[in-house]
Amino acid sequence: PEDCVLVAQQQHISFGPHARRVVIRGIEFQGASSTSIVFNHDGAEVSFEDCRWSENVSSNPKRGSVVDFNSTSIVYFYACLIDLPNQKPSQIPPAVSL
């Protein structure tokens, strides 16, 4: 679906250990002030296809604004776009934290 936007104030999605063969396609993730996507448990397998992240800014400089991996999970990104905020390069928080 075109123009499908998921807006959240803190976090969009948290995946657990039973998230297997998940495909998320064509969604824009917008406005997370924590990390947009979180993997807190081992064993998830998720693919993102044609997704976009915009206006996501992590309030914690040690956490990525788009994805935070606190586990051993398999994650694929295909044709995705990450828009970083208009800031000086030294002020941009990481998009991904491992």
PDB file of N, CA and C in Angstrom:
ATOM      1  N   PRO A   1       0.829  -1.201   0.000  1.00  0.00           N
ATOM      2  CA  PRO A   1       0.000   0.000   0.000  1.00  0.00           C
ATOM      3  C   PRO A   1       0.864   1.252   0.000  1.00  0.00           C
ATOM      4  N   GLU A   2       0.487   2.210  -0.812  1.00  0.00           N
ATOM      5  CA  GLU A   2       1.221   3.461  -0.851  1.00  0.00           C
ATOM      6  C   GLU A   2       0.788   4.356   0.297  1.00  0.00           C
ATOM      7  N   ASP A   3       1.710   5.221   0.716  1.00  0.00           N
ATOM      8  CA  ASP A   3       1.442   6.215   1.745  1.00  0.00           C
ATOM      9  C   ASP A   3       1.009   5.608   3.079  1.00  0.00           C
ATOM     10  N   CYS A   4       1.551   4.455   3.414  1.00  0.00           N
ATOM     11  CA  CYS A   4       1.279   3.852   4.718  1.00  0.00           C
ATOM     12  C   CYS A   4       2.355   4.336   5.681  1.00  0.00           C
ATOM     13  N   VAL A   5       1.960   5.145   6.671  1.00  0.00           N
ATOM     14  CA  VAL A   5       2.906   5.757   7.603  1.00  0.00           C
ATOM     15  C   VAL A   5       2.550   5.336   9.022  1.00  0.00           C
ATOM     16  N   LEU A   6       3.547   4.832   9.734  1.00  0.00           N
ATOM     17  CA  LEU A   6       3.375   4.465  11.134  1.00  0.00           C
ATOM     18  C   LEU A   6       4.072   5.529  11.970  1.00  0.00           C
ATOM     19  N   VAL A   7       3.297   6.297  12.730  1.00  0.00           N
ATOM     20  CA  VAL A   7       3.830   7.394  13.541  1.00  0.00           C
ATOM     21  C   VAL A   7       3.758   6.984  15.004  1.00  0.00           C
ATOM     22  N   ALA A   8       4.867   7.148  15.715  1.00  0.00           N
ATOM     23  CA  ALA A   8       4.898   6.807  17.142  1.00  0.00           C
ATOM     24  C   ALA A   8       5.698   7.860  17.885  1.00  0.00           C
ATOM     25  N   GLN A   9       5.369   8.058  19.150  1.00  0.00           N
ATOM     26  CA  GLN A   9       6.097   9.041  19.944  1.00  0.00           C
ATOM     27  C   GLN A   9       7.379   8.462  20.529  1.00  0.00           C
ATOM     28  N   GLN A  10       7.440   7.165  20.780  1.00  0.00           N
ATOM     29  CA  GLN A  10       8.636   6.575  21.363  1.00  0.00           C
ATOM     30  C   GLN A  10       9.232   5.500  20.470  1.00  0.00           C
ATOM     31  N   GLN A  11       8.529   4.398  20.269  1.00  0.00           N
ATOM     32  CA  GLN A  11       9.061   3.245  19.556  1.00  0.00           C
ATOM     33  C   GLN A  11       7.972   2.681  18.655  1.00  0.00           C
ATOM     34  N   HIS A  12       8.361   2.153  17.488  1.00  0.00           N
ATOM     35  CA  HIS A  12       7.373   1.598  16.573  1.00  0.00           C
ATOM     36  C   HIS A  12       7.092   0.119  16.836  1.00  0.00           C
ATOM     37  N   ILE A  13       8.124  -0.724  16.800  1.00  0.00           N
ATOM     38  CA  ILE A  13       7.923  -2.174  16.911  1.00  0.00           C
ATOM     39  C   ILE A  13       9.045  -2.788  17.740  1.00  0.00           C
ATOM     40  N   SER A  14       8.695  -3.762  18.575  1.00  0.00           N
ATOM     41  CA  SER A  14       9.674  -4.558  19.317  1.00  0.00           C
ATOM     42  C   SER A  14       9.440  -6.018  18.963  1.00  0.00           C
ATOM     43  N   PHE A  15      10.489  -6.690  18.489  1.00  0.00           N
ATOM     44  CA  PHE A  15      10.366  -8.084  18.083  1.00  0.00           C
ATOM     45  C   PHE A  15      10.898  -9.010  19.163  1.00  0.00           C
ATOM     46  N   GLY A  16      10.180 -10.096  19.405  1.00  0.00           N
ATOM     47  CA  GLY A  16      10.581 -11.108  20.367  1.00  0.00           C
ATOM     48  C   GLY A  16      11.173 -12.323  19.674  1.00  0.00           C
ATOM     49  N   PRO A  17      11.465 -13.372  20.436  1.00  0.00           N
ATOM     50  CA  PRO A  17      12.156 -14.534  19.896  1.00  0.00           C
ATOM     51  C   PRO A  17      11.322 -15.373  18.927  1.00  0.00           C
ATOM     52  N   HIS A  18      10.018 -15.194  18.892  1.00  0.00           N
ATOM     53  CA  HIS A  18       9.172 -16.004  18.020  1.00  0.00           C
ATOM     54  C   HIS A  18       8.820 -15.302  16.709  1.00  0.00           C
ATOM     55  N   ALA A  19       9.401 -14.143  16.457  1.00  0.00           N
ATOM     56  CA  ALA A  19       9.168 -13.419  15.203  1.00  0.00           C
ATOM     57  C   ALA A  19      10.047 -14.041  14.125  1.00  0.00           C
ATOM     58  N   ARG A  20       9.489 -14.947  13.355  1.00  0.00           N
ATOM     59  CA  ARG A  20      10.242 -15.661  12.316  1.00  0.00           C
ATOM     60  C   ARG A  20       9.563 -15.465  10.970  1.00  0.00           C
ATOM     61  N   ARG A  21      10.378 -15.302   9.936  1.00  0.00           N
ATOM     62  CA  ARG A  21       9.897 -15.137   8.565  1.00  0.00           C
ATOM     63  C   ARG A  21       8.899 -13.980   8.447  1.00  0.00           C
ATOM     64  N   VAL A  22       9.170 -12.897   9.170  1.00  0.00           N
ATOM     65  CA  VAL A  22       8.322 -11.696   9.118  1.00  0.00           C
ATOM     66  C   VAL A  22       8.817 -10.808   7.979  1.00  0.00           C
ATOM     67  N   VAL A  23       7.898 -10.341   7.142  1.00  0.00           N
ATOM     68  CA  VAL A  23       8.235  -9.410   6.062  1.00  0.00           C
ATOM     69  C   VAL A  23       7.388  -8.153   6.257  1.00  0.00           C
ATOM     70  N   ILE A  24       8.058  -7.015   6.342  1.00  0.00           N
ATOM     71  CA  ILE A  24       7.381  -5.722   6.446  1.00  0.00           C
ATOM     72  C   ILE A  24       7.740  -4.956   5.181  1.00  0.00           C
ATOM     73  N   ARG A  25       6.713  -4.543   4.440  1.00  0.00           N
ATOM     74  CA  ARG A  25       6.954  -3.974   3.109  1.00  0.00           C
ATOM     75  C   ARG A  25       6.199  -2.662   2.939  1.00  0.00           C
ATOM     76  N   GLY A  26       6.925  -1.647   2.437  1.00  0.00           N
ATOM     77  CA  GLY A  26       6.291  -0.410   2.004  1.00  0.00           C
ATOM     78  C   GLY A  26       5.737   0.488   3.093  1.00  0.00           C
ATOM     79  N   ILE A  27       6.331   0.449   4.271  1.00  0.00           N
ATOM     80  CA  ILE A  27       5.842   1.283   5.368  1.00  0.00           C
ATOM     81  C   ILE A  27       6.866   2.369   5.689  1.00  0.00           C
ATOM     82  N   GLU A  28       6.370   3.558   5.986  1.00  0.00           N
ATOM     83  CA  GLU A  28       7.234   4.630   6.471  1.00  0.00           C
ATOM     84  C   GLU A  28       7.081   4.703   7.988  1.00  0.00           C
ATOM     85  N   PHE A  29       8.220   4.654   8.683  1.00  0.00           N
ATOM     86  CA  PHE A  29       8.259   4.744  10.138  1.00  0.00           C
ATOM     87  C   PHE A  29       8.690   6.160  10.489  1.00  0.00           C
ATOM     88  N   GLN A  30       7.867   6.864  11.253  1.00  0.00           N
ATOM     89  CA  GLN A  30       8.105   8.286  11.458  1.00  0.00           C
ATOM     90  C   GLN A  30       7.922   8.684  12.917  1.00  0.00           C
ATOM     91  N   GLY A  31       8.814   9.569  13.399  1.00  0.00           N
ATOM     92  CA  GLY A  31       8.622  10.266  14.661  1.00  0.00           C
ATOM     93  C   GLY A  31       9.035   9.577  15.940  1.00  0.00           C
ATOM     94  N   ALA A  32       9.766   8.469  15.867  1.00  0.00           N
ATOM     95  CA  ALA A  32      10.167   7.792  17.113  1.00  0.00           C
ATOM     96  C   ALA A  32      11.220   8.608  17.851  1.00  0.00           C
ATOM     97  N   SER A  33      11.015   8.778  19.144  1.00  0.00           N
ATOM     98  CA  SER A  33      11.992   9.523  19.947  1.00  0.00           C
ATOM     99  C   SER A  33      12.913   8.579  20.713  1.00  0.00           C
ATOM    100  N   SER A  34      12.599   7.309  20.677  1.00  0.00           N
ATOM    101  CA  SER A  34      13.477   6.264  21.212  1.00  0.00           C
ATOM    102  C   SER A  34      14.046   5.568  19.982  1.00  0.00           C
ATOM    103  N   THR A  35      14.151   4.288  19.977  1.00  0.00           N
ATOM    104  CA  THR A  35      14.572   3.545  18.791  1.00  0.00           C
ATOM    105  C   THR A  35      13.332   3.044  18.066  1.00  0.00           C
ATOM    106  N   SER A  36      13.288   3.199  16.750  1.00  0.00           N
ATOM    107  CA  SER A  36      12.120   2.802  15.975  1.00  0.00           C
ATOM    108  C   SER A  36      11.838   1.300  16.087  1.00  0.00           C
ATOM    109  N   ILE A  37      12.834   0.468  15.819  1.00  0.00           N
ATOM    110  CA  ILE A  37      12.679  -0.984  15.814  1.00  0.00           C
ATOM    111  C   ILE A  37      13.659  -1.579  16.817  1.00  0.00           C
ATOM    112  N   VAL A  38      13.165  -2.459  17.697  1.00  0.00           N
ATOM    113  CA  VAL A  38      14.022  -3.035  18.746  1.00  0.00           C
ATOM    114  C   VAL A  38      13.973  -4.556  18.678  1.00  0.00           C
ATOM    115  N   PHE A  39      15.147  -5.173  18.797  1.00  0.00           N
ATOM    116  CA  PHE A  39      15.281  -6.622  18.880  1.00  0.00           C
ATOM    117  C   PHE A  39      15.913  -6.931  20.229  1.00  0.00           C
ATOM    118  N   ASN A  40      15.081  -7.221  21.231  1.00  0.00           N
ATOM    119  CA  ASN A  40      15.575  -7.465  22.593  1.00  0.00           C
ATOM    120  C   ASN A  40      15.869  -8.927  22.883  1.00  0.00           C
ATOM    121  N   HIS A  41      15.390  -9.833  22.036  1.00  0.00           N
ATOM    122  CA  HIS A  41      15.525 -11.262  22.305  1.00  0.00           C
ATOM    123  C   HIS A  41      16.166 -11.966  21.118  1.00  0.00           C
ATOM    124  N   ASP A  42      16.949 -12.995  21.387  1.00  0.00           N
ATOM    125  CA  ASP A  42      17.586 -13.782  20.332  1.00  0.00           C
ATOM    126  C   ASP A  42      16.545 -14.515  19.497  1.00  0.00           C
ATOM    127  N   GLY A  43      16.867 -14.720  18.220  1.00  0.00           N
ATOM    128  CA  GLY A  43      16.076 -15.617  17.396  1.00  0.00           C
ATOM    129  C   GLY A  43      15.128 -15.010  16.396  1.00  0.00           C
ATOM    130  N   ALA A  44      14.944 -13.703  16.375  1.00  0.00           N
ATOM    131  CA  ALA A  44      14.022 -13.093  15.410  1.00  0.00           C
ATOM    132  C   ALA A  44      14.621 -13.144  14.005  1.00  0.00           C
ATOM    133  N   GLU A  45      13.749 -13.227  13.011  1.00  0.00           N
ATOM    134  CA  GLU A  45      14.162 -13.148  11.606  1.00  0.00           C
ATOM    135  C   GLU A  45      13.156 -12.272  10.875  1.00  0.00           C
ATOM    136  N   VAL A  46      13.591 -11.066  10.487  1.00  0.00           N
ATOM    137  CA  VAL A  46      12.681 -10.057   9.939  1.00  0.00           C
ATOM    138  C   VAL A  46      13.302  -9.425   8.701  1.00  0.00           C
ATOM    139  N   SER A  47      12.481  -9.203   7.676  1.00  0.00           N
ATOM    140  CA  SER A  47      12.908  -8.505   6.459  1.00  0.00           C
ATOM    141  C   SER A  47      12.095  -7.225   6.304  1.00  0.00           C
ATOM    142  N   PHE A  48      12.789  -6.147   5.989  1.00  0.00           N
ATOM    143  CA  PHE A  48      12.151  -4.870   5.661  1.00  0.00           C
ATOM    144  C   PHE A  48      12.400  -4.612   4.182  1.00  0.00           C
ATOM    145  N   GLU A  49      11.326  -4.394   3.426  1.00  0.00           N
ATOM    146  CA  GLU A  49      11.445  -4.149   1.991  1.00  0.00           C
ATOM    147  C   GLU A  49      10.765  -2.834   1.638  1.00  0.00           C
ATOM    148  N   ASP A  50      11.477  -1.989   0.900  1.00  0.00           N
ATOM    149  CA  ASP A  50      10.920  -0.711   0.435  1.00  0.00           C
ATOM    150  C   ASP A  50      10.328   0.113   1.568  1.00  0.00           C
ATOM    151  N   CYS A  51      11.004   0.131   2.711  1.00  0.00           N
ATOM    152  CA  CYS A  51      10.556   0.913   3.860  1.00  0.00           C
ATOM    153  C   CYS A  51      11.378   2.193   3.972  1.00  0.00           C
ATOM    154  N   ARG A  52      10.856   3.134   4.713  1.00  0.00           N
ATOM    155  CA  ARG A  52      11.545   4.417   4.906  1.00  0.00           C
ATOM    156  C   ARG A  52      11.428   4.826   6.370  1.00  0.00           C
ATOM    157  N   TRP A  53      12.520   5.379   6.887  1.00  0.00           N
ATOM    158  CA  TRP A  53      12.532   5.949   8.235  1.00  0.00           C
ATOM    159  C   TRP A  53      12.789   7.433   8.109  1.00  0.00           C
ATOM    160  N   SER A  54      11.915   8.239   8.718  1.00  0.00           N
ATOM    161  CA  SER A  54      12.089   9.690   8.661  1.00  0.00           C
ATOM    162  C   SER A  54      11.695  10.306   9.992  1.00  0.00           C
ATOM    163  N   GLU A  55      12.374  11.374  10.339  1.00  0.00           N
ATOM    164  CA  GLU A  55      12.087  12.145  11.554  1.00  0.00           C
ATOM    165  C   GLU A  55      12.154  11.296  12.822  1.00  0.00           C
ATOM    166  N   ASN A  56      13.068  10.320  12.839  1.00  0.00           N
ATOM    167  CA  ASN A  56      13.307   9.506  14.026  1.00  0.00           C
ATOM    168  C   ASN A  56      14.610   9.968  14.657  1.00  0.00           C
ATOM    169  N   VAL A  57      14.563  10.365  15.897  1.00  0.00           N
ATOM    170  CA  VAL A  57      15.757  10.846  16.597  1.00  0.00           C
ATOM    171  C   VAL A  57      15.815  10.167  17.958  1.00  0.00           C
ATOM    172  N   SER A  58      16.863   9.416  18.186  1.00  0.00           N
ATOM    173  CA  SER A  58      17.011   8.737  19.472  1.00  0.00           C
ATOM    174  C   SER A  58      17.380   9.746  20.551  1.00  0.00           C
ATOM    175  N   SER A  59      16.678   9.687  21.674  1.00  0.00           N
ATOM    176  CA  SER A  59      16.993  10.577  22.789  1.00  0.00           C
ATOM    177  C   SER A  59      18.214  10.078  23.565  1.00  0.00           C
ATOM    178  N   ASN A  60      18.631   8.843  23.315  1.00  0.00           N
ATOM    179  CA  ASN A  60      19.796   8.248  23.969  1.00  0.00           C
ATOM    180  C   ASN A  60      20.910   8.105  22.941  1.00  0.00           C
ATOM    181  N   PRO A  61      22.049   8.787  23.109  1.00  0.00           N
ATOM    182  CA  PRO A  61      23.109   8.741  22.109  1.00  0.00           C
ATOM    183  C   PRO A  61      23.740   7.356  21.928  1.00  0.00           C
ATOM    184  N   LYS A  62      23.474   6.420  22.840  1.00  0.00           N
ATOM    185  CA  LYS A  62      24.028   5.068  22.714  1.00  0.00           C
ATOM    186  C   LYS A  62      23.087   4.127  21.967  1.00  0.00           C
ATOM    187  N   ARG A  63      21.900   4.596  21.624  1.00  0.00           N
ATOM    188  CA  ARG A  63      20.934   3.759  20.922  1.00  0.00           C
ATOM    189  C   ARG A  63      20.683   4.312  19.533  1.00  0.00           C
ATOM    190  N   GLY A  64      20.551   3.423  18.572  1.00  0.00           N
ATOM    191  CA  GLY A  64      20.275   3.845  17.212  1.00  0.00           C
ATOM    192  C   GLY A  64      18.866   4.381  17.071  1.00  0.00           C
ATOM    193  N   SER A  65      18.679   5.361  16.195  1.00  0.00           N
ATOM    194  CA  SER A  65      17.358   5.947  16.006  1.00  0.00           C
ATOM    195  C   SER A  65      16.445   5.057  15.168  1.00  0.00           C
ATOM    196  N   VAL A  66      17.022   4.151  14.385  1.00  0.00           N
ATOM    197  CA  VAL A  66      16.221   3.271  13.547  1.00  0.00           C
ATOM    198  C   VAL A  66      16.144   1.864  14.129  1.00  0.00           C
ATOM    199  N   VAL A  67      17.289   1.227  14.382  1.00  0.00           N
ATOM    200  CA  VAL A  67      17.287  -0.154  14.875  1.00  0.00           C
ATOM    201  C   VAL A  67      18.258  -0.300  16.028  1.00  0.00           C
ATOM    202  N   ASP A  68      17.822  -1.010  17.062  1.00  0.00           N
ATOM    203  CA  ASP A  68      18.678  -1.330  18.205  1.00  0.00           C
ATOM    204  C   ASP A  68      18.683  -2.853  18.360  1.00  0.00           C
ATOM    205  N   PHE A  69      19.862  -3.453  18.153  1.00  0.00           N
ATOM    206  CA  PHE A  69      20.019  -4.897  18.290  1.00  0.00           C
ATOM    207  C   PHE A  69      20.581  -5.209  19.668  1.00  0.00           C
ATOM    208  N   ASN A  70      19.746  -5.731  20.544  1.00  0.00           N
ATOM    209  CA  ASN A  70      20.202  -6.207  21.849  1.00  0.00           C
ATOM    210  C   ASN A  70      20.132  -7.717  21.877  1.00  0.00           C
ATOM    211  N   SER A  71      20.368  -8.341  20.728  1.00  0.00           N
ATOM    212  CA  SER A  71      20.182  -9.779  20.613  1.00  0.00           C
ATOM    213  C   SER A  71      20.948 -10.308  19.413  1.00  0.00           C
ATOM    214  N   THR A  72      20.842 -11.612  19.232  1.00  0.00           N
ATOM    215  CA  THR A  72      21.346 -12.257  18.031  1.00  0.00           C
ATOM    216  C   THR A  72      20.133 -12.567  17.173  1.00  0.00           C
ATOM    217  N   SER A  73      19.869 -11.704  16.210  1.00  0.00           N
ATOM    218  CA  SER A  73      18.724 -11.854  15.321  1.00  0.00           C
ATOM    219  C   SER A  73      19.189 -11.655  13.889  1.00  0.00           C
ATOM    220  N   ILE A  74      18.374 -12.095  12.939  1.00  0.00           N
ATOM    221  CA  ILE A  74      18.677 -11.932  11.524  1.00  0.00           C
ATOM    222  C   ILE A  74      17.710 -10.891  10.970  1.00  0.00           C
ATOM    223  N   VAL A  75      18.274  -9.816  10.428  1.00  0.00           N
ATOM    224  CA  VAL A  75      17.442  -8.723   9.907  1.00  0.00           C
ATOM    225  C   VAL A  75      17.970  -8.332   8.534  1.00  0.00           C
ATOM    226  N   TYR A  76      17.076  -8.230   7.570  1.00  0.00           N
ATOM    227  CA  TYR A  76      17.426  -7.851   6.206  1.00  0.00           C
ATOM    228  C   TYR A  76      16.759  -6.520   5.868  1.00  0.00           C
ATOM    229  N   PHE A  77      17.491  -5.674   5.145  1.00  0.00           N
ATOM    230  CA  PHE A  77      16.949  -4.418   4.634  1.00  0.00           C
ATOM    231  C   PHE A  77      17.124  -4.422   3.122  1.00  0.00           C
ATOM    232  N   TYR A  78      16.019  -4.326   2.381  1.00  0.00           N
ATOM    233  CA  TYR A  78      16.054  -4.310   0.924  1.00  0.00           C
ATOM    234  C   TYR A  78      15.421  -3.011   0.431  1.00  0.00           C
ATOM    235  N   ALA A  79      16.189  -2.227  -0.306  1.00  0.00           N
ATOM    236  CA  ALA A  79      15.695  -0.990  -0.923  1.00  0.00           C
ATOM    237  C   ALA A  79      15.011  -0.077   0.092  1.00  0.00           C
ATOM    238  N   CYS A  80      15.613   0.078   1.252  1.00  0.00           N
ATOM    239  CA  CYS A  80      15.070   0.947   2.306  1.00  0.00           C
ATOM    240  C   CYS A  80      15.809   2.280   2.319  1.00  0.00           C
ATOM    241  N   LEU A  81      15.161   3.298   2.838  1.00  0.00           N
ATOM    242  CA  LEU A  81      15.737   4.641   2.908  1.00  0.00           C
ATOM    243  C   LEU A  81      15.687   5.126   4.348  1.00  0.00           C
ATOM    244  N   ILE A  82      16.812   5.637   4.824  1.00  0.00           N
ATOM    245  CA  ILE A  82      16.881   6.224   6.164  1.00  0.00           C
ATOM    246  C   ILE A  82      17.204   7.695   6.011  1.00  0.00           C
ATOM    247  N   ASP A  83      16.242   8.545   6.349  1.00  0.00           N
ATOM    248  CA  ASP A  83      16.446   9.996   6.316  1.00  0.00           C
ATOM    249  C   ASP A  83      16.942  10.442   7.677  1.00  0.00           C
ATOM    250  N   LEU A  84      18.135  10.979   7.722  1.00  0.00           N
ATOM    251  CA  LEU A  84      18.680  11.493   8.971  1.00  0.00           C
ATOM    252  C   LEU A  84      18.283  12.951   9.125  1.00  0.00           C
ATOM    253  N   PRO A  85      18.171  13.429  10.373  1.00  0.00           N
ATOM    254  CA  PRO A  85      17.769  14.826  10.597  1.00  0.00           C
ATOM    255  C   PRO A  85      18.791  15.799  10.016  1.00  0.00           C
ATOM    256  N   ASN A  86      18.341  16.987   9.696  1.00  0.00           N
ATOM    257  CA  ASN A  86      19.227  18.023   9.157  1.00  0.00           C
ATOM    258  C   ASN A  86      20.056  18.632  10.279  1.00  0.00           C
ATOM    259  N   GLN A  87      21.154  17.995  10.599  1.00  0.00           N
ATOM    260  CA  GLN A  87      22.058  18.462  11.640  1.00  0.00           C
ATOM    261  C   GLN A  87      23.485  18.339  11.129  1.00  0.00           C
ATOM    262  N   LYS A  88      24.401  18.929  11.858  1.00  0.00           N
ATOM    263  CA  LYS A  88      25.812  18.770  11.535  1.00  0.00           C
ATOM    264  C   LYS A  88      26.176  17.300  11.708  1.00  0.00           C
ATOM    265  N   PRO A  89      27.086  16.756  10.871  1.00  0.00           N
ATOM    266  CA  PRO A  89      27.445  15.336  10.972  1.00  0.00           C
ATOM    267  C   PRO A  89      27.843  14.902  12.378  1.00  0.00           C
ATOM    268  N   SER A  90      28.489  15.755  13.152  1.00  0.00           N
ATOM    269  CA  SER A  90      28.915  15.374  14.502  1.00  0.00           C
ATOM    270  C   SER A  90      27.741  15.294  15.473  1.00  0.00           C
ATOM    271  N   GLN A  91      26.579  15.848  15.108  1.00  0.00           N
ATOM    272  CA  GLN A  91      25.418  15.856  15.987  1.00  0.00           C
ATOM    273  C   GLN A  91      24.382  14.801  15.641  1.00  0.00           C
ATOM    274  N   ILE A  92      24.573  14.099  14.518  1.00  0.00           N
ATOM    275  CA  ILE A  92      23.598  13.099  14.099  1.00  0.00           C
ATOM    276  C   ILE A  92      23.787  11.831  14.917  1.00  0.00           C
ATOM    277  N   PRO A  93      22.727  11.370  15.586  1.00  0.00           N
ATOM    278  CA  PRO A  93      22.832  10.136  16.349  1.00  0.00           C
ATOM    279  C   PRO A  93      22.957   8.941  15.400  1.00  0.00           C
ATOM    280  N   PRO A  94      23.467   7.822  15.865  1.00  0.00           N
ATOM    281  CA  PRO A  94      23.584   6.661  14.965  1.00  0.00           C
ATOM    282  C   PRO A  94      22.212   6.155  14.557  1.00  0.00           C
ATOM    283  N   ALA A  95      22.116   5.640  13.332  1.00  0.00           N
ATOM    284  CA  ALA A  95      20.855   5.060  12.855  1.00  0.00           C
ATOM    285  C   ALA A  95      20.678   3.645  13.376  1.00  0.00           C
ATOM    286  N   VAL A  96      21.803   2.941  13.585  1.00  0.00           N
ATOM    287  CA  VAL A  96      21.763   1.553  14.033  1.00  0.00           C
ATOM    288  C   VAL A  96      22.747   1.383  15.174  1.00  0.00           C
ATOM    289  N   SER A  97      22.326   0.688  16.232  1.00  0.00           N
ATOM    290  CA  SER A  97      23.266   0.351  17.297  1.00  0.00           C
ATOM    291  C   SER A  97      23.282  -1.158  17.473  1.00  0.00           C
ATOM    292  N   LEU A  98      24.482  -1.699  17.640  1.00  0.00           N
ATOM    293  CA  LEU A  98      24.647  -3.141  17.776  1.00  0.00           C
ATOM    294  C   LEU A  98      25.037  -3.494  19.190  1.00  0.00           C
TER     295      LEU A  98
END
